[in-house]
Amino acid sequence: MRIPTVGINSSSGQHHSNITNSDLTTSWVDNRKDAWIQLAFAGIVKVGDLNIIFGDFATVSYIFSVDVSNDGLGFTSVFMGSSKPPKKITNIPVGKDAQYVRITIHENNSASKDKASILYVEANSADTPIPPEPIPPTPSGDTDKFGVLNFRKKSF
């Protein structure tokens, strides 16, 4: 289940809500080494995984890390890896409680090594939905011609 974001910040100081809106014609771009983008949630949640679509994902490989925080100040690294064209990155394991998730792009394999670009990102909850309460078994008994249960005891 997707976790709603209440804020998005970045190393450029700008807010970039367009990376969570599923519109792949918009993106976040930063041209500095170790550029980052940070998702904020309404409170501490169990983050299961991330789905990320990097800019130029069909041709550019990104080296990136994912860090989490409960206060937005101290971050703990939970993932370090790289994207491999032409695939989009999905199901990046997080498995931590957090109020903030930060994605840092360290470099890429294009001519402009410090360019960072993300088209879309979503965080998914690690909480499994609670199944509905089971329906109690029907009491045994006879039914009348309308299908209504008759709870009178049978006499033998």
N, C-alpha and C. Protein backbone atom coordinates (compact mmCIF):
# COMPACT_ATOMS: atom_id res chain seq x y z
N MET A 1 0.84 -1.16 0.00
CA MET A 1 0.00 0.00 0.00
C MET A 1 0.90 1.24 0.00
N ARG A 2 0.60 2.16 -0.87
CA ARG A 2 1.39 3.39 -1.00
C ARG A 2 1.22 4.28 0.23
N ILE A 3 2.35 4.87 0.69
CA ILE A 3 2.32 5.78 1.83
C ILE A 3 2.20 7.20 1.29
N PRO A 4 1.18 7.96 1.69
CA PRO A 4 1.06 9.33 1.21
C PRO A 4 2.17 10.23 1.78
N THR A 5 2.68 11.12 0.96
CA THR A 5 3.70 12.07 1.42
C THR A 5 3.03 13.38 1.81
N VAL A 6 3.61 14.04 2.83
CA VAL A 6 3.10 15.35 3.24
C VAL A 6 4.09 16.45 2.87
N GLY A 7 5.26 16.07 2.38
CA GLY A 7 6.24 17.05 1.97
C GLY A 7 7.37 16.40 1.20
N ILE A 8 7.97 17.16 0.30
CA ILE A 8 9.11 16.69 -0.48
C ILE A 8 10.12 17.83 -0.53
N ASN A 9 11.35 17.54 -0.13
CA ASN A 9 12.40 18.54 -0.15
C ASN A 9 13.59 17.97 -0.90
N SER A 10 14.56 18.82 -1.22
CA SER A 10 15.72 18.34 -1.96
C SER A 10 16.95 19.16 -1.62
N SER A 11 18.10 18.68 -2.10
CA SER A 11 19.36 19.38 -1.88
C SER A 11 19.35 20.75 -2.54
N SER A 12 18.51 20.96 -3.52
CA SER A 12 18.41 22.27 -4.17
C SER A 12 17.52 23.22 -3.39
N GLY A 13 16.85 22.72 -2.33
CA GLY A 13 15.99 23.56 -1.51
C GLY A 13 14.60 23.75 -2.06
N GLN A 14 14.31 23.15 -3.20
CA GLN A 14 13.00 23.28 -3.80
C GLN A 14 12.12 22.09 -3.45
N HIS A 15 10.82 22.32 -3.44
CA HIS A 15 9.86 21.24 -3.21
C HIS A 15 9.48 20.65 -4.57
N HIS A 16 9.38 19.34 -4.63
CA HIS A 16 9.17 18.68 -5.92
C HIS A 16 8.05 17.66 -5.84
N SER A 17 6.83 18.13 -5.65
CA SER A 17 5.70 17.21 -5.56
C SER A 17 5.44 16.49 -6.87
N ASN A 18 6.03 16.98 -7.97
CA ASN A 18 5.78 16.33 -9.26
C ASN A 18 6.39 14.94 -9.37
N ILE A 19 7.27 14.54 -8.47
CA ILE A 19 7.82 13.18 -8.57
C ILE A 19 6.92 12.12 -7.95
N THR A 20 5.85 12.53 -7.30
CA THR A 20 4.93 11.56 -6.71
C THR A 20 3.57 11.56 -7.41
N ASN A 21 3.44 12.27 -8.51
CA ASN A 21 2.12 12.42 -9.15
C ASN A 21 1.89 11.50 -10.34
N SER A 22 2.78 10.56 -10.61
CA SER A 22 2.63 9.59 -11.71
C SER A 22 2.70 10.21 -13.09
N ASP A 23 3.04 11.49 -13.20
CA ASP A 23 3.19 12.15 -14.50
C ASP A 23 4.66 12.05 -14.91
N LEU A 24 4.97 11.14 -15.81
CA LEU A 24 6.36 10.89 -16.19
C LEU A 24 6.91 11.93 -17.16
N THR A 25 6.14 12.99 -17.45
CA THR A 25 6.68 14.07 -18.27
C THR A 25 7.31 15.15 -17.39
N THR A 26 7.18 15.01 -16.06
CA THR A 26 7.79 15.95 -15.12
C THR A 26 8.85 15.22 -14.32
N SER A 27 9.81 15.97 -13.75
CA SER A 27 10.88 15.30 -13.00
C SER A 27 11.54 16.25 -12.03
N TRP A 28 12.37 15.69 -11.18
CA TRP A 28 13.29 16.45 -10.33
C TRP A 28 14.66 16.29 -10.94
N VAL A 29 15.37 17.41 -11.11
CA VAL A 29 16.72 17.39 -11.68
C VAL A 29 17.61 18.26 -10.81
N ASP A 30 18.81 17.77 -10.52
CA ASP A 30 19.80 18.55 -9.78
C ASP A 30 21.15 18.25 -10.40
N ASN A 31 21.97 19.26 -10.53
CA ASN A 31 23.27 19.09 -11.19
C ASN A 31 24.44 19.21 -10.22
N ARG A 32 24.31 18.60 -9.07
CA ARG A 32 25.40 18.63 -8.09
C ARG A 32 25.72 17.22 -7.63
N LYS A 33 26.93 17.00 -7.21
CA LYS A 33 27.34 15.69 -6.70
C LYS A 33 26.58 15.41 -5.41
N ASP A 34 26.18 14.18 -5.23
CA ASP A 34 25.44 13.74 -4.05
C ASP A 34 24.13 14.52 -3.84
N ALA A 35 23.45 14.80 -4.93
CA ALA A 35 22.14 15.46 -4.85
C ALA A 35 21.14 14.50 -4.22
N TRP A 36 20.22 15.03 -3.44
CA TRP A 36 19.24 14.18 -2.77
C TRP A 36 17.84 14.77 -2.84
N ILE A 37 16.89 13.86 -2.69
CA ILE A 37 15.48 14.25 -2.59
C ILE A 37 14.91 13.48 -1.40
N GLN A 38 14.03 14.13 -0.66
CA GLN A 38 13.56 13.56 0.60
C GLN A 38 12.04 13.58 0.67
N LEU A 39 11.46 12.44 0.99
CA LEU A 39 10.02 12.32 1.19
C LEU A 39 9.72 12.44 2.68
N ALA A 40 8.67 13.15 3.03
CA ALA A 40 8.24 13.25 4.42
C ALA A 40 6.83 12.67 4.54
N PHE A 41 6.62 11.90 5.59
CA PHE A 41 5.31 11.30 5.85
C PHE A 41 4.68 11.99 7.06
N ALA A 42 3.40 11.80 7.29
CA ALA A 42 2.68 12.48 8.38
C ALA A 42 3.19 12.08 9.76
N GLY A 43 3.79 10.94 9.86
CA GLY A 43 4.33 10.44 11.12
C GLY A 43 5.24 9.27 10.82
N ILE A 44 5.70 8.61 11.85
CA ILE A 44 6.57 7.45 11.66
C ILE A 44 5.71 6.29 11.16
N VAL A 45 6.14 5.70 10.05
CA VAL A 45 5.42 4.59 9.42
C VAL A 45 6.39 3.45 9.14
N LYS A 46 5.87 2.27 8.92
CA LYS A 46 6.70 1.13 8.53
C LYS A 46 6.87 1.17 7.02
N VAL A 47 8.08 1.52 6.57
CA VAL A 47 8.35 1.61 5.13
C VAL A 47 8.86 0.24 4.68
N GLY A 48 8.14 -0.36 3.76
CA GLY A 48 8.52 -1.67 3.25
C GLY A 48 9.51 -1.58 2.11
N ASP A 49 9.14 -0.83 1.06
CA ASP A 49 10.01 -0.70 -0.10
C ASP A 49 9.73 0.59 -0.85
N LEU A 50 10.61 0.88 -1.81
CA LEU A 50 10.47 2.05 -2.67
C LEU A 50 10.40 1.61 -4.12
N ASN A 51 9.67 2.36 -4.90
CA ASN A 51 9.69 2.23 -6.36
C ASN A 51 10.19 3.56 -6.91
N ILE A 52 11.22 3.50 -7.76
CA ILE A 52 11.83 4.71 -8.31
C ILE A 52 11.94 4.56 -9.82
N ILE A 53 11.61 5.64 -10.53
CA ILE A 53 11.91 5.70 -11.96
C ILE A 53 12.88 6.87 -12.13
N PHE A 54 14.11 6.57 -12.50
CA PHE A 54 15.12 7.59 -12.71
C PHE A 54 14.95 8.21 -14.09
N GLY A 55 15.36 9.49 -14.22
CA GLY A 55 15.37 10.13 -15.52
C GLY A 55 16.33 9.41 -16.44
N ASP A 56 16.01 9.35 -17.72
CA ASP A 56 16.86 8.66 -18.71
C ASP A 56 17.13 7.22 -18.31
N PHE A 57 16.15 6.57 -17.65
CA PHE A 57 16.36 5.21 -17.13
C PHE A 57 16.71 4.21 -18.22
N ALA A 58 16.34 4.50 -19.46
CA ALA A 58 16.61 3.55 -20.54
C ALA A 58 18.08 3.53 -20.94
N THR A 59 18.81 4.60 -20.64
CA THR A 59 20.21 4.67 -21.09
C THR A 59 21.22 4.99 -20.00
N VAL A 60 20.78 5.59 -18.89
CA VAL A 60 21.72 6.05 -17.85
C VAL A 60 21.61 5.15 -16.62
N SER A 61 22.77 4.79 -16.07
CA SER A 61 22.84 4.03 -14.83
C SER A 61 23.21 4.98 -13.69
N TYR A 62 22.47 4.93 -12.59
CA TYR A 62 22.72 5.79 -11.44
C TYR A 62 23.25 4.98 -10.26
N ILE A 63 24.23 5.52 -9.54
CA ILE A 63 24.66 4.96 -8.27
C ILE A 63 23.96 5.80 -7.21
N PHE A 64 23.19 5.14 -6.33
CA PHE A 64 22.37 5.87 -5.38
C PHE A 64 22.28 5.14 -4.05
N SER A 65 21.85 5.87 -3.04
CA SER A 65 21.61 5.28 -1.72
C SER A 65 20.26 5.73 -1.20
N VAL A 66 19.73 4.95 -0.25
CA VAL A 66 18.46 5.27 0.40
C VAL A 66 18.74 5.31 1.90
N ASP A 67 18.33 6.40 2.54
CA ASP A 67 18.51 6.57 3.98
C ASP A 67 17.16 6.91 4.61
N VAL A 68 16.99 6.56 5.88
CA VAL A 68 15.75 6.84 6.60
C VAL A 68 16.04 7.60 7.89
N SER A 69 15.01 8.31 8.37
CA SER A 69 15.14 9.08 9.61
C SER A 69 13.79 9.22 10.27
N ASN A 70 13.80 9.30 11.59
CA ASN A 70 12.57 9.58 12.34
C ASN A 70 12.41 11.05 12.66
N ASP A 71 13.51 11.83 12.54
CA ASP A 71 13.45 13.25 12.90
C ASP A 71 13.88 14.20 11.78
N GLY A 72 14.35 13.68 10.64
CA GLY A 72 14.78 14.52 9.54
C GLY A 72 16.17 15.09 9.71
N LEU A 73 16.86 14.73 10.79
CA LEU A 73 18.21 15.24 11.05
C LEU A 73 19.26 14.13 10.96
N GLY A 74 19.07 13.08 11.72
CA GLY A 74 20.00 11.94 11.69
C GLY A 74 19.45 10.86 10.78
N PHE A 75 20.23 10.44 9.77
CA PHE A 75 19.77 9.44 8.80
C PHE A 75 20.57 8.16 8.93
N THR A 76 19.90 7.04 8.68
CA THR A 76 20.52 5.71 8.68
C THR A 76 20.44 5.14 7.28
N SER A 77 21.56 4.66 6.76
CA SER A 77 21.58 4.07 5.42
C SER A 77 20.92 2.70 5.45
N VAL A 78 20.02 2.45 4.48
CA VAL A 78 19.34 1.16 4.39
C VAL A 78 19.58 0.47 3.05
N PHE A 79 20.10 1.21 2.06
CA PHE A 79 20.32 0.61 0.74
C PHE A 79 21.37 1.41 -0.02
N MET A 80 22.25 0.70 -0.73
CA MET A 80 23.21 1.32 -1.65
C MET A 80 23.22 0.44 -2.88
N GLY A 81 23.05 1.03 -4.06
CA GLY A 81 23.01 0.21 -5.26
C GLY A 81 23.07 1.05 -6.51
N SER A 82 22.75 0.42 -7.61
CA SER A 82 22.76 1.15 -8.88
C SER A 82 21.60 0.69 -9.74
N SER A 83 21.16 1.61 -10.57
CA SER A 83 20.12 1.27 -11.54
C SER A 83 20.82 0.68 -12.76
N LYS A 84 20.14 -0.18 -13.46
CA LYS A 84 20.72 -0.84 -14.63
C LYS A 84 19.78 -0.65 -15.81
N PRO A 85 20.18 0.19 -16.78
CA PRO A 85 19.31 0.40 -17.94
C PRO A 85 19.06 -0.93 -18.66
N PRO A 86 17.96 -1.13 -19.27
CA PRO A 86 16.84 -0.19 -19.44
C PRO A 86 15.74 -0.37 -18.39
N LYS A 87 16.06 -0.90 -17.22
CA LYS A 87 15.02 -1.22 -16.24
C LYS A 87 14.75 -0.08 -15.28
N LYS A 88 13.48 0.04 -14.89
CA LYS A 88 13.09 0.95 -13.82
C LYS A 88 13.41 0.22 -12.51
N ILE A 89 13.62 0.95 -11.46
CA ILE A 89 13.96 0.35 -10.17
C ILE A 89 12.68 0.19 -9.37
N THR A 90 12.40 -1.03 -8.95
CA THR A 90 11.22 -1.28 -8.13
C THR A 90 11.57 -2.19 -6.98
N ASN A 91 10.78 -2.10 -5.95
CA ASN A 91 10.92 -2.94 -4.76
C ASN A 91 12.29 -2.85 -4.11
N ILE A 92 12.79 -1.62 -3.94
CA ILE A 92 14.04 -1.42 -3.22
C ILE A 92 13.72 -1.65 -1.74
N PRO A 93 14.36 -2.62 -1.11
CA PRO A 93 14.00 -2.95 0.27
C PRO A 93 14.41 -1.84 1.24
N VAL A 94 13.49 -1.49 2.13
CA VAL A 94 13.78 -0.52 3.20
C VAL A 94 13.62 -1.22 4.54
N GLY A 95 12.42 -1.69 4.84
CA GLY A 95 12.17 -2.48 6.04
C GLY A 95 12.45 -1.77 7.35
N LYS A 96 12.16 -0.48 7.42
CA LYS A 96 12.41 0.29 8.65
C LYS A 96 11.25 1.22 8.95
N ASP A 97 11.11 1.57 10.24
CA ASP A 97 10.18 2.63 10.63
C ASP A 97 10.85 3.96 10.32
N ALA A 98 10.12 4.90 9.74
CA ALA A 98 10.70 6.19 9.40
C ALA A 98 9.61 7.22 9.14
N GLN A 99 9.95 8.49 9.35
CA GLN A 99 9.09 9.59 8.94
C GLN A 99 9.64 10.26 7.69
N TYR A 100 10.95 10.02 7.41
CA TYR A 100 11.61 10.62 6.25
C TYR A 100 12.40 9.55 5.50
N VAL A 101 12.33 9.60 4.18
CA VAL A 101 13.15 8.75 3.31
C VAL A 101 13.90 9.66 2.37
N ARG A 102 15.22 9.48 2.31
CA ARG A 102 16.06 10.31 1.45
C ARG A 102 16.75 9.43 0.41
N ILE A 103 16.66 9.83 -0.85
CA ILE A 103 17.35 9.16 -1.95
C ILE A 103 18.47 10.08 -2.40
N THR A 104 19.71 9.59 -2.35
CA THR A 104 20.86 10.38 -2.76
C THR A 104 21.45 9.76 -4.02
N ILE A 105 21.63 10.56 -5.05
CA ILE A 105 22.26 10.09 -6.28
C ILE A 105 23.71 10.56 -6.24
N HIS A 106 24.61 9.58 -6.21
CA HIS A 106 26.04 9.88 -6.05
C HIS A 106 26.71 10.18 -7.39
N GLU A 107 26.38 9.43 -8.42
CA GLU A 107 26.88 9.72 -9.77
C GLU A 107 26.15 8.85 -10.77
N ASN A 108 26.43 9.09 -12.05
CA ASN A 108 25.83 8.29 -13.11
C ASN A 108 26.87 8.04 -14.19
N ASN A 109 26.51 7.28 -15.19
CA ASN A 109 27.47 6.92 -16.24
C ASN A 109 27.34 7.78 -17.50
N SER A 110 26.65 8.92 -17.39
CA SER A 110 26.52 9.79 -18.56
C SER A 110 27.67 10.80 -18.60
N ALA A 111 27.70 11.62 -19.63
CA ALA A 111 28.75 12.63 -19.78
C ALA A 111 28.73 13.64 -18.62
N SER A 112 27.53 13.95 -18.12
CA SER A 112 27.43 14.86 -16.96
C SER A 112 27.24 14.00 -15.71
N LYS A 113 28.34 13.53 -15.15
CA LYS A 113 28.32 12.55 -14.05
C LYS A 113 27.55 12.99 -12.81
N ASP A 114 27.44 14.30 -12.60
CA ASP A 114 26.77 14.78 -11.39
C ASP A 114 25.29 15.05 -11.58
N LYS A 115 24.77 14.83 -12.77
CA LYS A 115 23.34 15.09 -12.99
C LYS A 115 22.51 14.03 -12.27
N ALA A 116 21.51 14.51 -11.54
CA ALA A 116 20.57 13.62 -10.86
C ALA A 116 19.18 13.90 -11.41
N SER A 117 18.44 12.85 -11.70
CA SER A 117 17.10 13.03 -12.24
C SER A 117 16.20 11.88 -11.80
N ILE A 118 15.06 12.24 -11.23
CA ILE A 118 14.05 11.24 -10.85
C ILE A 118 12.71 11.68 -11.43
N LEU A 119 12.05 10.75 -12.12
CA LEU A 119 10.73 11.02 -12.69
C LEU A 119 9.62 10.69 -11.70
N TYR A 120 9.82 9.64 -10.90
CA TYR A 120 8.74 9.17 -10.04
C TYR A 120 9.33 8.38 -8.88
N VAL A 121 8.73 8.54 -7.70
CA VAL A 121 9.11 7.72 -6.54
C VAL A 121 7.87 7.51 -5.67
N GLU A 122 7.76 6.31 -5.12
CA GLU A 122 6.70 6.04 -4.16
C GLU A 122 7.25 5.12 -3.08
N ALA A 123 6.77 5.33 -1.88
CA ALA A 123 7.11 4.47 -0.75
C ALA A 123 5.90 3.62 -0.43
N ASN A 124 6.15 2.35 -0.15
CA ASN A 124 5.07 1.43 0.16
C ASN A 124 5.18 0.94 1.59
N SER A 125 4.05 0.75 2.22
CA SER A 125 3.99 0.35 3.61
C SER A 125 4.40 -1.10 3.79
N ALA A 126 5.05 -1.36 4.92
CA ALA A 126 5.39 -2.74 5.28
C ALA A 126 4.25 -3.39 6.04
N ASP A 127 3.27 -2.60 6.44
CA ASP A 127 2.13 -3.15 7.16
C ASP A 127 1.29 -3.97 6.21
N THR A 128 0.93 -5.15 6.65
CA THR A 128 0.03 -5.95 5.84
C THR A 128 -1.39 -5.58 6.23
N PRO A 129 -2.27 -5.47 5.26
CA PRO A 129 -3.65 -5.12 5.61
C PRO A 129 -4.25 -6.15 6.56
N ILE A 130 -5.05 -5.67 7.49
CA ILE A 130 -5.72 -6.57 8.42
C ILE A 130 -6.89 -7.21 7.70
N PRO A 131 -6.93 -8.54 7.67
CA PRO A 131 -8.04 -9.18 6.97
C PRO A 131 -9.36 -8.91 7.69
N PRO A 132 -10.46 -8.93 6.96
CA PRO A 132 -11.75 -8.70 7.61
C PRO A 132 -12.05 -9.81 8.60
N GLU A 133 -12.88 -9.49 9.58
CA GLU A 133 -13.29 -10.49 10.56
C GLU A 133 -14.02 -11.63 9.84
N PRO A 134 -13.73 -12.86 10.23
CA PRO A 134 -14.45 -13.97 9.59
C PRO A 134 -15.92 -13.94 9.97
N ILE A 135 -16.74 -14.39 9.07
CA ILE A 135 -18.18 -14.46 9.33
C ILE A 135 -18.40 -15.69 10.20
N PRO A 136 -19.10 -15.51 11.35
CA PRO A 136 -19.32 -16.67 12.22
C PRO A 136 -20.15 -17.73 11.51
N PRO A 137 -19.92 -18.98 11.88
CA PRO A 137 -20.70 -20.03 11.23
C PRO A 137 -22.19 -19.88 11.54
N THR A 138 -22.98 -20.28 10.59
CA THR A 138 -24.43 -20.21 10.74
C THR A 138 -24.87 -21.26 11.75
N PRO A 139 -25.74 -20.86 12.70
CA PRO A 139 -26.22 -21.87 13.65
C PRO A 139 -27.00 -22.95 12.92
N SER A 140 -26.85 -24.16 13.42
CA SER A 140 -27.57 -25.25 12.76
C SER A 140 -29.04 -25.16 13.12
N GLY A 141 -29.87 -25.57 12.24
CA GLY A 141 -31.32 -25.53 12.46
C GLY A 141 -32.04 -25.63 11.13
N ASP A 142 -33.30 -25.78 11.21
CA ASP A 142 -34.11 -25.88 10.02
C ASP A 142 -34.41 -24.49 9.48
N THR A 143 -34.70 -24.41 8.21
CA THR A 143 -35.15 -23.14 7.63
C THR A 143 -36.57 -23.32 7.14
N ASP A 144 -37.30 -22.21 7.14
CA ASP A 144 -38.66 -22.27 6.62
C ASP A 144 -38.63 -22.12 5.10
N LYS A 145 -39.80 -21.99 4.49
CA LYS A 145 -39.84 -21.92 3.03
C LYS A 145 -39.21 -20.65 2.48
N PHE A 146 -38.95 -19.63 3.33
CA PHE A 146 -38.31 -18.38 2.90
C PHE A 146 -36.81 -18.37 3.19
N GLY A 147 -36.27 -19.46 3.74
CA GLY A 147 -34.84 -19.54 4.04
C GLY A 147 -34.49 -18.95 5.39
N VAL A 148 -35.47 -18.59 6.22
CA VAL A 148 -35.22 -18.04 7.55
C VAL A 148 -34.97 -19.19 8.51
N LEU A 149 -33.92 -19.04 9.33
CA LEU A 149 -33.58 -20.09 10.29
C LEU A 149 -34.65 -20.25 11.34
N ASN A 150 -34.93 -21.49 11.67
CA ASN A 150 -35.85 -21.84 12.74
C ASN A 150 -35.00 -22.41 13.87
N PHE A 151 -34.91 -21.71 15.00
CA PHE A 151 -34.02 -22.12 16.09
C PHE A 151 -34.71 -23.06 17.08
N ARG A 152 -35.93 -23.48 16.82
CA ARG A 152 -36.58 -24.41 17.71
C ARG A 152 -35.90 -25.75 17.62
N LYS A 153 -35.80 -26.38 18.76
CA LYS A 153 -35.17 -27.69 18.79
C LYS A 153 -36.08 -28.72 18.15
N LYS A 154 -35.44 -29.63 17.47
CA LYS A 154 -36.21 -30.73 16.91
C LYS A 154 -36.54 -31.72 18.01
N SER A 155 -37.68 -32.25 17.95
CA SER A 155 -38.01 -33.31 18.92
C SER A 155 -37.87 -34.64 18.22
N PHE A 156 -37.29 -35.56 18.92
CA PHE A 156 -37.06 -36.89 18.33
C PHE A 156 -37.99 -37.89 18.88
